[in-house]
Amino acid sequence: MEKIRASILLNGLAPEGFDAGDAEVSLVTTDSREVCPGCIFVAFPGERFDGHDFAAKALEAGAFCVVLNHPVEGVPAEKAVLCADSYHAMMVMGANYRSQFHPRVVGVTGSVGKTTTKQMCYAAIEGFGNTIKTEGNQNNELGLPRTMFRIGNETEYAVVEMGMSHLGEIERLSRCARPDVGIITCIGVSHIGNLGSQENICKAKLEICAGLPEGAPLVLNGDDPFLRKAELPEHVRPVWFSLGDEGADVCALSIQQEADGMSFVLEDHEEGTFMVHIPAMGRHNVANALAAYCAATRLGLDARKVLRGISNFEQTGMRQKIVHSNGVDVIEDCYNANPDSMKAALAMFREYPCKRRFALLGDMLELGDLSREAHEEVGRQAAESGIDTLITYGEQARRTAVVAAAKGLTTLHANTYREAADALLRLMQPGDALLVKASRGMALEKVLELFYKEQQ
């Protein structure tokens, strides 16, 4: 974080009469352990710890001021900025800080593929100048301001991921980040329990337009029926990408899955035709690559150099990472899961070159009333995707196993991580491949820890 006048940072937050003087701030933190002289400490109430309990100590450690939800004993009024919502306070300061700098910003949202598309955008752009990106899962009303605070005078580009679970959240994030180009990867069913319908999910994702300037490119998935029929704001310029529709602004043709990724022909009505290879499996990752390409080129960046960057992209965390272990290929895709990403993963796995295919699938969380139907549908998809043996873990995934077994697929439901690992150790042989996928909360990496350790 560059030094910034406290009066600018607290604009619209501090009460009238609050005296910031000529003070400059070089850190905004929510962690009392990071407090240093001249910083701003934002207190968040929590189930285990309440930041308000550390406010007085923050001032003793030299904090310029503290942001509180309510008055706190031992904190003088002239050092306190009261705000009923700590998330709102972070967003206001993040927006104020962002307004002092002028990087070109790409905003990424969508139900599936946000993080991979963010990574591909970063790979596409970083060769053109100093670039930052959202780290980890910092894509909400706390994480996005933290990303804004990482912008500096030298920052030329920023790739910002925007997540949501309710209407209104993407709008606030977009107004804070003020992207120059927006991406909506697709409209799925994540958080449908909160939003009620895919139409409402589409409406929520389109809130990214709130922060886009007049004439800004909005990169959209032309194969998504909800985006295709959506009413777009007049101030944005849609850029459509598609897998196969040559009427789109950018499309992928002759898509082939290979042992180390995907190859395809990219046709761009503005830039021409290119042969492309990406080190990521599945048609869904071709769509993510097209989205990143569209965003980077519509910022005016050279298409060939953009594609060279995307061809060197690296997955993060446990997202479709391929591990070769004692002759077995393990596709670690256990960072998250929903019906759309599960379907895409199974489609990818069907084409994966191997002797036999095994899948370890766990619960998809936060689906509300859709959960039973969605897990049963995965069972049907698994039975049709060339898998030799399906192992499931989790109460909802039990429905997946029941339906898959009824369709003739060999299945086993594991009640513990140990049971799942033992089944894999017993059944798998060199030349086989394993797909592992579930929602983050299922922690299927614990099965893999046991599997890898005892394989040795």
Protein backbone atom coordinates (compact mmCIF):
# COMPACT_ATOMS: atom_id res chain seq x y z
CA MET A 1 0.00 0.00 0.00
CA GLU A 2 1.34 3.43 -0.99
CA LYS A 3 1.14 6.23 1.55
CA ILE A 4 -2.12 8.11 1.21
CA ARG A 5 -3.59 11.00 3.13
CA ALA A 6 -5.95 9.80 5.83
CA SER A 7 -8.45 12.50 4.84
CA ILE A 8 -8.71 10.94 1.35
CA LEU A 9 -8.92 7.38 2.65
CA LEU A 10 -11.65 8.20 5.18
CA ASN A 11 -13.68 10.43 2.85
CA GLY A 12 -17.37 9.54 3.20
CA LEU A 13 -16.67 7.48 6.29
CA ALA A 14 -15.30 9.79 8.98
CA PRO A 15 -17.88 12.06 10.68
CA GLU A 16 -17.97 15.78 10.00
CA GLY A 17 -15.36 17.46 12.15
CA PHE A 18 -13.06 14.43 12.32
CA ASP A 19 -9.55 15.88 12.21
CA ALA A 20 -7.24 13.84 10.00
CA GLY A 21 -4.75 16.71 9.72
CA ASP A 22 -1.89 15.97 7.35
CA ALA A 23 -1.57 12.36 8.47
CA GLU A 24 -0.62 9.75 5.89
CA VAL A 25 -1.58 6.09 6.11
CA SER A 26 0.42 3.18 4.68
CA LEU A 27 -1.61 0.27 6.09
CA VAL A 28 -5.25 -0.62 6.66
CA THR A 29 -5.57 -3.81 8.68
CA THR A 30 -8.19 -5.96 10.35
CA ASP A 31 -5.54 -7.99 12.21
CA SER A 32 -4.44 -6.54 15.54
CA ARG A 33 -1.11 -8.37 15.16
CA GLU A 34 -0.27 -6.23 12.11
CA VAL A 35 -0.93 -2.88 13.81
CA CYS A 36 1.92 -0.41 13.36
CA PRO A 37 2.36 3.36 13.89
CA GLY A 38 0.16 5.41 11.55
CA CYS A 39 -2.08 2.56 10.38
CA ILE A 40 -5.89 2.30 10.44
CA PHE A 41 -7.29 -0.66 12.37
CA VAL A 42 -10.77 -1.88 11.36
CA ALA A 43 -12.57 -3.86 14.06
CA PHE A 44 -14.65 -6.81 12.89
CA PRO A 45 -16.98 -8.63 15.26
CA GLY A 46 -16.52 -12.40 15.09
CA GLU A 47 -17.69 -15.62 16.67
CA ARG A 48 -14.32 -16.41 18.27
CA PHE A 49 -12.68 -12.98 18.48
CA ASP A 50 -14.14 -9.49 18.45
CA GLY A 51 -11.82 -6.89 16.97
CA HIS A 52 -13.37 -4.25 19.21
CA ASP A 53 -11.58 -5.91 22.15
CA PHE A 54 -8.26 -4.97 20.55
CA ALA A 55 -9.12 -1.39 19.53
CA ALA A 56 -7.59 0.36 22.57
CA LYS A 57 -4.38 -1.70 22.23
CA ALA A 58 -4.21 -0.77 18.55
CA LEU A 59 -4.12 2.91 19.49
CA GLU A 60 -1.49 2.21 22.14
CA ALA A 61 0.60 0.57 19.41
CA GLY A 62 0.44 3.77 17.35
CA ALA A 63 -2.60 3.32 15.08
CA PHE A 64 -3.75 6.62 13.60
CA CYS A 65 -7.38 5.72 14.29
CA VAL A 66 -9.71 2.76 14.66
CA VAL A 67 -12.92 1.99 12.76
CA LEU A 68 -15.59 0.65 15.10
CA ASN A 69 -19.21 -0.53 14.89
CA HIS A 70 -19.93 1.10 18.26
CA PRO A 71 -18.13 3.17 20.94
CA VAL A 72 -15.56 1.21 22.93
CA GLU A 73 -14.39 1.96 26.44
CA GLY A 74 -10.84 3.29 26.44
CA VAL A 75 -11.03 4.56 22.86
CA PRO A 76 -11.31 8.38 22.69
CA ALA A 77 -14.00 9.69 20.35
CA GLU A 78 -11.48 11.72 18.35
CA LYS A 79 -9.63 8.52 17.44
CA ALA A 80 -12.70 6.49 16.51
CA VAL A 81 -14.57 6.36 13.21
CA LEU A 82 -17.96 4.78 13.80
CA CYS A 83 -19.47 2.65 11.02
CA ALA A 84 -22.21 0.11 11.66
CA ASP A 85 -20.82 -2.27 8.99
CA SER A 86 -17.08 -3.04 8.94
CA TYR A 87 -17.35 -4.51 5.43
CA HIS A 88 -18.83 -1.23 4.21
CA ALA A 89 -15.97 0.66 5.85
CA MET A 90 -13.41 -1.49 4.04
CA MET A 91 -15.21 -1.00 0.72
CA VAL A 92 -15.32 2.80 1.14
CA MET A 93 -11.61 2.97 1.95
CA GLY A 94 -10.78 0.53 -0.86
CA ALA A 95 -12.69 2.68 -3.36
CA ASN A 96 -11.07 5.88 -2.08
CA TYR A 97 -7.62 4.33 -2.34
CA ARG A 98 -8.34 2.92 -5.83
CA SER A 99 -9.38 6.39 -7.04
CA GLN A 100 -5.82 7.70 -6.56
CA PHE A 101 -4.27 5.27 -9.05
CA HIS A 102 -4.80 4.48 -12.73
CA PRO A 103 -4.09 0.84 -13.56
CA ARG A 104 -6.06 -0.92 -16.32
CA VAL A 105 -8.37 -3.25 -14.41
CA VAL A 106 -10.07 -6.48 -15.52
CA GLY A 107 -13.05 -7.55 -13.37
CA VAL A 108 -13.98 -11.26 -13.46
CA THR A 109 -17.22 -12.81 -12.23
CA GLY A 110 -19.44 -15.78 -13.10
CA SER A 111 -20.84 -18.92 -11.51
CA VAL A 112 -18.04 -21.24 -12.65
CA GLY A 113 -14.45 -20.63 -13.73
CA LYS A 114 -13.82 -17.26 -12.06
CA THR A 115 -10.51 -18.19 -10.50
CA THR A 116 -9.15 -20.07 -13.51
CA THR A 117 -10.18 -17.19 -15.80
CA LYS A 118 -8.52 -14.74 -13.41
CA GLN A 119 -5.32 -16.80 -13.58
CA MET A 120 -5.52 -16.91 -17.38
CA CYS A 121 -6.08 -13.14 -17.53
CA TYR A 122 -3.03 -12.63 -15.34
CA ALA A 123 -0.96 -14.92 -17.57
CA ALA A 124 -2.21 -13.04 -20.65
CA ILE A 125 -1.43 -9.58 -19.27
CA GLU A 126 1.60 -9.82 -16.97
CA GLY A 127 4.06 -9.67 -19.88
CA PHE A 128 2.86 -6.16 -20.75
CA GLY A 129 3.72 -4.48 -17.45
CA ASN A 130 3.52 -4.63 -13.66
CA THR A 131 0.37 -6.65 -12.89
CA ILE A 132 -1.38 -7.67 -9.68
CA LYS A 133 -4.26 -10.11 -9.23
CA THR A 134 -6.66 -11.27 -6.56
CA GLU A 135 -4.84 -13.75 -4.36
CA GLY A 136 -6.49 -16.89 -3.00
CA ASN A 137 -10.19 -16.43 -2.28
CA GLN A 138 -10.00 -12.66 -1.65
CA ASN A 139 -12.99 -11.98 -3.91
CA ASN A 140 -15.55 -10.60 -1.43
CA GLU A 141 -16.28 -7.34 0.38
CA LEU A 142 -13.30 -7.87 2.66
CA GLY A 143 -10.86 -9.39 0.18
CA LEU A 144 -11.44 -7.02 -2.74
CA PRO A 145 -10.50 -3.86 -0.77
CA ARG A 146 -7.35 -5.68 0.36
CA THR A 147 -6.53 -6.23 -3.32
CA MET A 148 -7.12 -2.53 -3.98
CA PHE A 149 -4.64 -1.65 -1.22
CA ARG A 150 -1.97 -3.64 -3.10
CA ILE A 151 -2.14 -1.26 -6.06
CA GLY A 152 0.85 1.06 -6.20
CA ASN A 153 2.27 3.81 -8.37
CA GLU A 154 4.03 1.19 -10.48
CA THR A 155 0.92 -0.98 -11.02
CA GLU A 156 -0.11 -0.95 -14.69
CA TYR A 157 -2.70 -3.76 -14.66
CA ALA A 158 -4.89 -5.50 -12.11
CA VAL A 159 -7.04 -8.60 -12.48
CA VAL A 160 -9.79 -8.64 -9.87
CA GLU A 161 -12.09 -11.57 -9.09
CA MET A 162 -15.58 -10.80 -7.80
CA GLY A 163 -17.67 -13.39 -5.96
CA MET A 164 -21.12 -13.10 -4.45
CA SER A 165 -23.87 -14.97 -2.65
CA HIS A 166 -26.62 -12.30 -2.69
CA LEU A 167 -27.97 -9.58 -4.97
CA GLY A 168 -26.17 -6.24 -4.64
CA GLU A 169 -22.75 -7.62 -3.75
CA ILE A 170 -21.21 -7.56 -7.24
CA GLU A 171 -22.43 -3.99 -7.75
CA ARG A 172 -20.62 -2.85 -4.61
CA LEU A 173 -17.46 -4.72 -5.60
CA SER A 174 -17.53 -3.31 -9.12
CA ARG A 175 -18.03 0.27 -7.95
CA CYS A 176 -15.04 -0.20 -5.66
CA ALA A 177 -12.70 -1.76 -8.25
CA ARG A 178 -13.92 0.31 -11.25
CA PRO A 179 -12.80 -2.19 -13.92
CA ASP A 180 -12.01 -1.12 -17.46
CA VAL A 181 -13.28 -4.42 -18.85
CA GLY A 182 -15.63 -6.97 -17.31
CA ILE A 183 -15.96 -10.73 -17.78
CA ILE A 184 -18.95 -12.96 -16.99
CA THR A 185 -17.86 -16.58 -17.46
CA CYS A 186 -21.30 -18.22 -17.27
CA ILE A 187 -24.54 -18.45 -15.28
CA GLY A 188 -24.77 -21.60 -13.18
CA VAL A 189 -26.62 -22.60 -10.02
CA SER A 190 -24.10 -21.68 -7.30
CA HIS A 191 -25.94 -19.88 -4.45
CA ILE A 192 -29.30 -20.60 -6.04
CA GLY A 193 -30.50 -21.29 -2.49
CA ASN A 194 -30.02 -17.57 -1.76
CA LEU A 195 -31.04 -16.14 -5.13
CA GLY A 196 -33.95 -18.40 -6.04
CA SER A 197 -33.40 -18.80 -9.79
CA GLN A 198 -30.78 -18.66 -12.52
CA GLU A 199 -32.47 -15.55 -13.84
CA ASN A 200 -31.67 -13.85 -10.52
CA ILE A 201 -28.12 -15.21 -10.62
CA CYS A 202 -27.74 -13.67 -14.09
CA LYS A 203 -29.08 -10.37 -12.77
CA ALA A 204 -26.57 -10.50 -9.91
CA LYS A 205 -23.61 -11.18 -12.22
CA LEU A 206 -24.62 -8.34 -14.54
CA GLU A 207 -24.16 -5.96 -11.61
CA ILE A 208 -20.51 -5.87 -12.69
CA CYS A 209 -21.68 -3.30 -15.26
CA ALA A 210 -22.27 -0.78 -12.44
CA GLY A 211 -18.54 -0.05 -12.18
CA LEU A 212 -17.73 -0.15 -15.90
CA PRO A 213 -17.20 3.19 -17.71
CA GLU A 214 -19.02 4.29 -20.85
CA GLY A 215 -18.13 2.08 -23.82
CA ALA A 216 -16.27 -0.50 -21.74
CA PRO A 217 -16.00 -4.04 -23.17
CA LEU A 218 -18.11 -6.64 -21.35
CA VAL A 219 -16.86 -10.13 -22.23
CA LEU A 220 -19.73 -12.63 -22.29
CA ASN A 221 -20.15 -16.35 -22.86
CA GLY A 222 -22.16 -16.64 -26.05
CA ASP A 223 -23.00 -20.28 -25.32
CA ASP A 224 -24.82 -19.38 -22.10
CA PRO A 225 -28.59 -19.13 -22.70
CA PHE A 226 -29.17 -16.80 -19.75
CA LEU A 227 -26.53 -14.31 -20.89
CA ARG A 228 -27.75 -14.52 -24.48
CA LYS A 229 -31.26 -13.40 -23.55
CA ALA A 230 -30.17 -10.91 -20.85
CA GLU A 231 -30.88 -7.22 -21.29
CA LEU A 232 -27.51 -5.49 -21.21
CA PRO A 233 -26.95 -1.89 -20.08
CA GLU A 234 -26.51 0.51 -22.99
CA HIS A 235 -23.21 1.90 -21.69
CA VAL A 236 -21.26 -1.37 -22.13
CA ARG A 237 -19.94 -2.93 -25.36
CA PRO A 238 -20.58 -6.70 -25.43
CA VAL A 239 -17.81 -8.97 -26.68
CA TRP A 240 -19.15 -12.50 -27.21
CA PHE A 241 -17.03 -15.65 -27.16
CA SER A 242 -18.16 -19.16 -28.07
CA LEU A 243 -17.07 -22.75 -28.48
CA GLY A 244 -18.08 -23.30 -32.07
CA ASP A 245 -20.35 -20.37 -33.03
CA GLU A 246 -18.49 -18.52 -35.76
CA GLY A 247 -20.96 -15.65 -35.41
CA ALA A 248 -19.43 -14.75 -32.04
CA ASP A 249 -16.74 -12.06 -31.86
CA VAL A 250 -14.23 -14.73 -30.83
CA CYS A 251 -14.73 -18.48 -31.18
CA ALA A 252 -12.82 -21.73 -30.76
CA LEU A 253 -12.98 -24.38 -33.49
CA SER A 254 -11.39 -27.82 -33.98
CA ILE A 255 -11.11 -28.31 -30.21
CA GLN A 256 -8.96 -31.33 -29.27
CA GLN A 257 -8.12 -32.74 -25.85
CA GLU A 258 -4.51 -33.90 -25.59
CA ALA A 259 -2.46 -35.53 -22.85
CA ASP A 260 -1.13 -32.19 -21.62
CA GLY A 261 -4.04 -29.85 -22.30
CA MET A 262 -6.28 -28.54 -25.06
CA SER A 263 -5.55 -27.39 -28.61
CA PHE A 264 -7.91 -25.36 -30.78
CA VAL A 265 -8.19 -22.82 -33.55
CA LEU A 266 -9.10 -19.35 -32.28
CA GLU A 267 -10.97 -17.11 -34.72
CA ASP A 268 -11.20 -13.42 -33.82
CA HIS A 269 -13.20 -11.16 -36.12
CA GLU A 270 -10.85 -8.28 -35.24
CA GLU A 271 -7.43 -9.92 -34.96
CA GLY A 272 -7.50 -13.00 -37.22
CA THR A 273 -6.98 -16.74 -36.77
CA PHE A 274 -4.51 -18.47 -34.42
CA MET A 275 -3.53 -22.01 -33.43
CA VAL A 276 -3.63 -22.24 -29.63
CA HIS A 277 -2.56 -24.75 -26.98
CA ILE A 278 -3.36 -24.33 -23.28
CA PRO A 279 -1.97 -26.48 -20.42
CA ALA A 280 -5.42 -27.18 -18.96
CA MET A 281 -7.87 -30.01 -19.55
CA GLY A 282 -11.48 -29.76 -20.71
CA ARG A 283 -13.62 -27.68 -23.05
CA HIS A 284 -14.64 -25.47 -20.13
CA ASN A 285 -11.02 -24.31 -19.89
CA VAL A 286 -11.06 -23.43 -23.57
CA ALA A 287 -13.99 -21.12 -22.74
CA ASN A 288 -12.00 -19.62 -19.85
CA ALA A 289 -9.05 -19.01 -22.19
CA LEU A 290 -11.31 -17.28 -24.73
CA ALA A 291 -12.66 -15.00 -21.99
CA ALA A 292 -9.14 -14.03 -20.90
CA TYR A 293 -8.06 -13.49 -24.51
CA CYS A 294 -11.06 -11.25 -25.20
CA ALA A 295 -10.42 -9.12 -22.10
CA ALA A 296 -6.73 -8.64 -22.82
CA THR A 297 -7.07 -7.90 -26.53
CA ARG A 298 -9.99 -5.51 -25.98
CA LEU A 299 -7.69 -3.58 -23.66
CA GLY A 300 -5.61 -3.08 -26.80
CA LEU A 301 -2.90 -5.64 -26.07
CA ASP A 302 -1.17 -7.58 -28.85
CA ALA A 303 -3.06 -10.80 -29.61
CA ARG A 304 -0.03 -13.00 -30.27
CA LYS A 305 1.72 -11.96 -27.07
CA VAL A 306 -1.55 -12.44 -25.16
CA LEU A 307 -1.82 -16.02 -26.47
CA ARG A 308 1.81 -16.75 -25.58
CA GLY A 309 1.01 -15.71 -22.03
CA ILE A 310 -2.13 -17.86 -21.83
CA SER A 311 -0.19 -20.86 -23.15
CA ASN A 312 2.05 -20.59 -20.06
CA PHE A 313 -0.77 -20.25 -17.54
CA GLU A 314 -0.60 -22.26 -14.31
CA GLN A 315 -3.52 -23.61 -12.26
CA THR A 316 -3.68 -22.66 -8.58
CA GLY A 317 -4.38 -24.76 -5.52
CA MET A 318 -6.35 -27.96 -6.09
CA ARG A 319 -7.99 -26.94 -9.36
CA GLN A 320 -7.53 -29.70 -11.93
CA LYS A 321 -3.92 -30.21 -10.94
CA ILE A 322 -2.53 -33.41 -12.49
CA VAL A 323 -0.26 -35.45 -10.21
CA HIS A 324 1.63 -38.47 -11.53
CA SER A 325 2.00 -40.88 -8.61
CA ASN A 326 3.52 -44.37 -9.00
CA GLY A 327 2.06 -44.86 -12.46
CA VAL A 328 -1.36 -43.42 -11.60
CA ASP A 329 -2.58 -40.02 -12.88
CA VAL A 330 -4.55 -38.12 -10.24
CA ILE A 331 -6.57 -35.08 -11.31
CA GLU A 332 -6.88 -33.06 -8.11
CA ASP A 333 -9.97 -30.89 -8.58
CA CYS A 334 -11.12 -30.73 -4.98
CA TYR A 335 -11.02 -26.96 -4.44
CA ASN A 336 -14.73 -26.57 -5.16
CA ALA A 337 -17.68 -28.10 -7.00
CA ASN A 338 -21.16 -27.30 -8.24
CA PRO A 339 -23.38 -29.00 -10.84
CA ASP A 340 -21.86 -27.06 -13.74
CA SER A 341 -18.21 -27.63 -12.83
CA MET A 342 -18.92 -31.29 -12.00
CA LYS A 343 -20.46 -31.83 -15.43
CA ALA A 344 -17.49 -30.12 -17.09
CA ALA A 345 -14.99 -32.20 -15.10
CA LEU A 346 -16.71 -35.48 -16.04
CA ALA A 347 -16.79 -34.44 -19.70
CA MET A 348 -13.07 -33.71 -19.56
CA PHE A 349 -12.34 -37.00 -17.80
CA ARG A 350 -14.19 -38.99 -20.44
CA GLU A 351 -11.53 -37.92 -22.96
CA TYR A 352 -8.55 -38.36 -20.62
CA PRO A 353 -6.05 -40.90 -22.03
CA CYS A 354 -5.62 -43.78 -19.56
CA LYS A 355 -6.25 -47.50 -19.04
CA ARG A 356 -9.14 -47.29 -16.54
CA ARG A 357 -10.97 -44.31 -15.03
CA PHE A 358 -11.83 -43.96 -11.34
CA ALA A 359 -13.70 -41.03 -9.79
CA LEU A 360 -13.89 -39.97 -6.15
CA LEU A 361 -16.80 -37.52 -5.90
CA GLY A 362 -18.09 -35.76 -2.79
CA ASP A 363 -20.91 -33.44 -1.80
CA MET A 364 -21.68 -30.21 -3.64
CA LEU A 365 -22.67 -27.75 -0.92
CA GLU A 366 -24.95 -24.68 -0.78
CA LEU A 367 -27.48 -25.95 -3.33
CA GLY A 368 -30.57 -25.62 -1.13
CA ASP A 369 -33.67 -27.40 -2.44
CA LEU A 370 -31.81 -28.28 -5.64
CA SER A 371 -29.32 -30.51 -3.81
CA ARG A 372 -30.97 -33.95 -4.17
CA GLU A 373 -31.80 -33.50 -7.83
CA ALA A 374 -28.31 -32.15 -8.59
CA HIS A 375 -26.50 -35.04 -6.88
CA GLU A 376 -28.69 -37.59 -8.65
CA GLU A 377 -27.95 -35.92 -11.98
CA VAL A 378 -24.21 -36.27 -11.30
CA GLY A 379 -24.82 -40.00 -10.81
CA ARG A 380 -26.42 -40.19 -14.24
CA GLN A 381 -23.58 -38.18 -15.79
CA ALA A 382 -20.94 -40.36 -14.11
CA ALA A 383 -22.57 -43.52 -15.50
CA GLU A 384 -22.41 -42.05 -19.01
CA SER A 385 -18.85 -40.68 -18.87
CA GLY A 386 -16.76 -43.81 -19.27
CA ILE A 387 -15.86 -44.22 -15.60
CA ASP A 388 -14.99 -47.78 -14.53
CA THR A 389 -15.52 -47.31 -10.77
CA LEU A 390 -17.15 -44.49 -8.79
CA ILE A 391 -16.34 -43.89 -5.12
CA THR A 392 -18.45 -41.34 -3.25
CA TYR A 393 -18.05 -39.56 0.08
CA GLY A 394 -20.64 -37.43 1.90
CA GLU A 395 -24.32 -37.73 2.69
CA GLN A 396 -25.48 -35.96 -0.48
CA ALA A 397 -23.04 -37.86 -2.68
CA ARG A 398 -24.65 -41.08 -1.45
CA ARG A 399 -27.52 -40.19 -3.84
CA THR A 400 -24.97 -39.92 -6.65
CA ALA A 401 -23.80 -43.48 -5.92
CA VAL A 402 -27.36 -44.86 -5.77
CA VAL A 403 -28.29 -43.45 -9.18
CA ALA A 404 -24.96 -44.38 -10.78
CA ALA A 405 -25.29 -47.96 -9.51
CA ALA A 406 -28.83 -48.18 -10.88
CA LYS A 407 -27.37 -47.22 -14.26
CA GLY A 408 -24.91 -50.09 -14.08
CA LEU A 409 -21.77 -48.30 -12.85
CA THR A 410 -19.63 -50.08 -10.24
CA THR A 411 -19.86 -47.89 -7.11
CA LEU A 412 -18.64 -47.79 -3.54
CA HIS A 413 -19.77 -45.31 -0.89
CA ALA A 414 -17.09 -44.48 1.70
CA ASN A 415 -18.11 -43.29 5.15
CA THR A 416 -14.61 -42.09 6.09
CA TYR A 417 -11.50 -40.75 4.39
CA ARG A 418 -9.78 -43.99 5.39
CA GLU A 419 -12.39 -46.12 3.60
CA ALA A 420 -12.06 -44.04 0.44
CA ALA A 421 -8.26 -44.22 0.45
CA ASP A 422 -8.26 -47.97 1.10
CA ALA A 423 -10.63 -48.56 -1.83
CA LEU A 424 -8.39 -46.57 -4.18
CA LEU A 425 -5.25 -48.37 -2.97
CA ARG A 426 -6.93 -51.72 -3.44
CA LEU A 427 -8.42 -51.10 -6.88
CA MET A 428 -6.09 -48.79 -8.81
CA GLN A 429 -3.14 -49.96 -10.91
CA PRO A 430 -0.44 -48.25 -13.00
CA GLY A 431 -1.96 -46.74 -16.12
CA ASP A 432 -5.21 -45.82 -14.35
CA ALA A 433 -6.46 -42.26 -13.77
CA LEU A 434 -8.41 -40.77 -10.87
CA LEU A 435 -10.65 -37.68 -10.83
CA VAL A 436 -11.22 -36.19 -7.36
CA LYS A 437 -13.89 -33.50 -7.04
CA ALA A 438 -16.18 -32.07 -4.33
CA SER A 439 -17.00 -28.82 -2.60
CA ARG A 440 -14.18 -27.32 -0.56
CA GLY A 441 -15.87 -28.19 2.73
CA MET A 442 -15.56 -31.92 2.01
CA ALA A 443 -11.72 -31.72 2.21
CA LEU A 444 -11.13 -34.64 -0.14
CA GLU A 445 -7.42 -33.79 -0.17
CA LYS A 446 -7.32 -35.74 3.11
CA VAL A 447 -8.12 -38.90 1.14
CA LEU A 448 -5.28 -38.08 -1.24
CA GLU A 449 -2.84 -37.53 1.62
CA LEU A 450 -3.53 -41.10 2.77
CA PHE A 451 -3.46 -42.44 -0.79
CA TYR A 452 -0.11 -40.84 -1.72
CA LYS A 453 1.55 -41.77 1.57
CA GLU A 454 0.63 -45.43 1.41
CA GLN A 455 1.25 -45.71 -2.34
CA GLN A 456 4.92 -45.05 -1.54
